[in-house]
Amino acid sequence: MAMKVKILRQTLGHVEGVSLRHYKPNETYEVPPSIANYMVAEGLALFEMRNPEERAKPPAGKERRGRKPKRVSRQ
């Protein structure tokens, strides 16, 4: 089972025969649990728990409307 991690900074080296130099900062990858745990423990990545498609959607019932706010006139 793969785990999603978001890379925080460029890394070098190998873990379990896998080169870490190909992982780019600010990108999210699915990696084996042992590599994900290593990267997080070393401060190289964060666990990514969200689905990227869900982040783009507003919460249910909170859709933005295209209306402008009412203007209040001062007299």
Protein backbone atom coordinates (compact mmCIF):
# COMPACT_ATOMS: atom_id res chain seq x y z
CA MET A 1 0.00 0.00 0.00
CA ALA A 2 1.48 3.34 -1.06
CA MET A 3 1.37 6.50 1.03
CA LYS A 4 1.14 10.06 -0.26
CA VAL A 5 3.80 12.57 0.79
CA LYS A 6 4.40 16.19 -0.15
CA ILE A 7 8.09 16.92 -0.61
CA LEU A 8 9.37 19.91 1.37
CA ARG A 9 12.92 20.19 0.05
CA GLN A 10 15.22 18.67 -2.55
CA THR A 11 16.99 15.58 -1.27
CA LEU A 12 19.91 13.39 -2.22
CA GLY A 13 20.77 9.83 -1.36
CA HIS A 14 19.08 6.45 -1.52
CA VAL A 15 16.60 4.61 0.70
CA GLU A 16 16.07 0.90 0.11
CA GLY A 17 17.72 1.25 -3.29
CA VAL A 18 15.45 4.15 -4.35
CA SER A 19 17.10 7.44 -5.30
CA LEU A 20 15.54 10.44 -3.55
CA ARG A 21 16.95 13.03 -5.96
CA HIS A 22 14.03 12.62 -8.37
CA TYR A 23 11.48 13.92 -5.84
CA LYS A 24 10.86 17.63 -6.39
CA PRO A 25 9.84 20.14 -3.66
CA ASN A 26 6.14 21.11 -3.47
CA GLU A 27 5.12 17.99 -5.42
CA THR A 28 3.05 15.10 -4.04
CA TYR A 29 4.07 11.49 -4.64
CA GLU A 30 2.83 8.02 -3.74
CA VAL A 31 5.70 6.06 -2.21
CA PRO A 32 6.08 2.83 -0.21
CA PRO A 33 5.37 3.26 3.54
CA SER A 34 8.99 2.70 4.57
CA ILE A 35 10.21 5.52 2.30
CA ALA A 36 7.33 7.81 3.33
CA ASN A 37 8.09 7.28 7.02
CA TYR A 38 11.81 7.92 6.46
CA MET A 39 11.17 11.15 4.52
CA VAL A 40 8.75 12.48 7.13
CA ALA A 41 11.04 11.52 10.04
CA GLU A 42 13.96 13.33 8.37
CA GLY A 43 11.85 16.46 7.71
CA LEU A 44 12.02 15.99 3.96
CA ALA A 45 8.27 15.54 3.45
CA LEU A 46 4.83 15.71 5.06
CA PHE A 47 2.11 13.11 4.86
CA GLU A 48 -0.54 14.21 2.34
CA MET A 49 -3.96 13.15 3.56
CA ARG A 50 -6.17 15.22 1.26
CA ASN A 51 -7.36 14.40 -2.21
CA PRO A 52 -6.18 17.18 -4.59
CA GLU A 53 -9.60 17.25 -6.30
CA GLU A 54 -11.36 17.86 -2.98
CA ARG A 55 -9.12 20.82 -2.13
CA ALA A 56 -10.30 22.72 -5.19
CA LYS A 57 -13.99 22.39 -4.34
CA PRO A 58 -15.70 24.67 -1.80
CA PRO A 59 -17.45 22.93 1.10
CA ALA A 60 -21.02 21.79 0.37
CA GLY A 61 -23.51 24.62 0.67
CA LYS A 62 -20.76 27.26 0.59
CA GLU A 63 -20.52 27.86 -3.15
CA ARG A 64 -19.58 31.38 -4.13
CA ARG A 65 -22.15 33.37 -5.99
CA GLY A 66 -21.34 35.80 -8.78
CA ARG A 67 -23.34 38.60 -7.18
CA LYS A 68 -21.79 41.83 -6.03
CA PRO A 69 -22.51 42.97 -2.48
CA LYS A 70 -25.29 45.53 -2.07
CA ARG A 71 -24.08 49.06 -1.94
CA VAL A 72 -25.25 51.09 1.01
CA SER A 73 -25.79 54.76 0.22
CA ARG A 74 -24.89 57.41 2.75
CA GLN A 75 -27.08 60.43 3.11
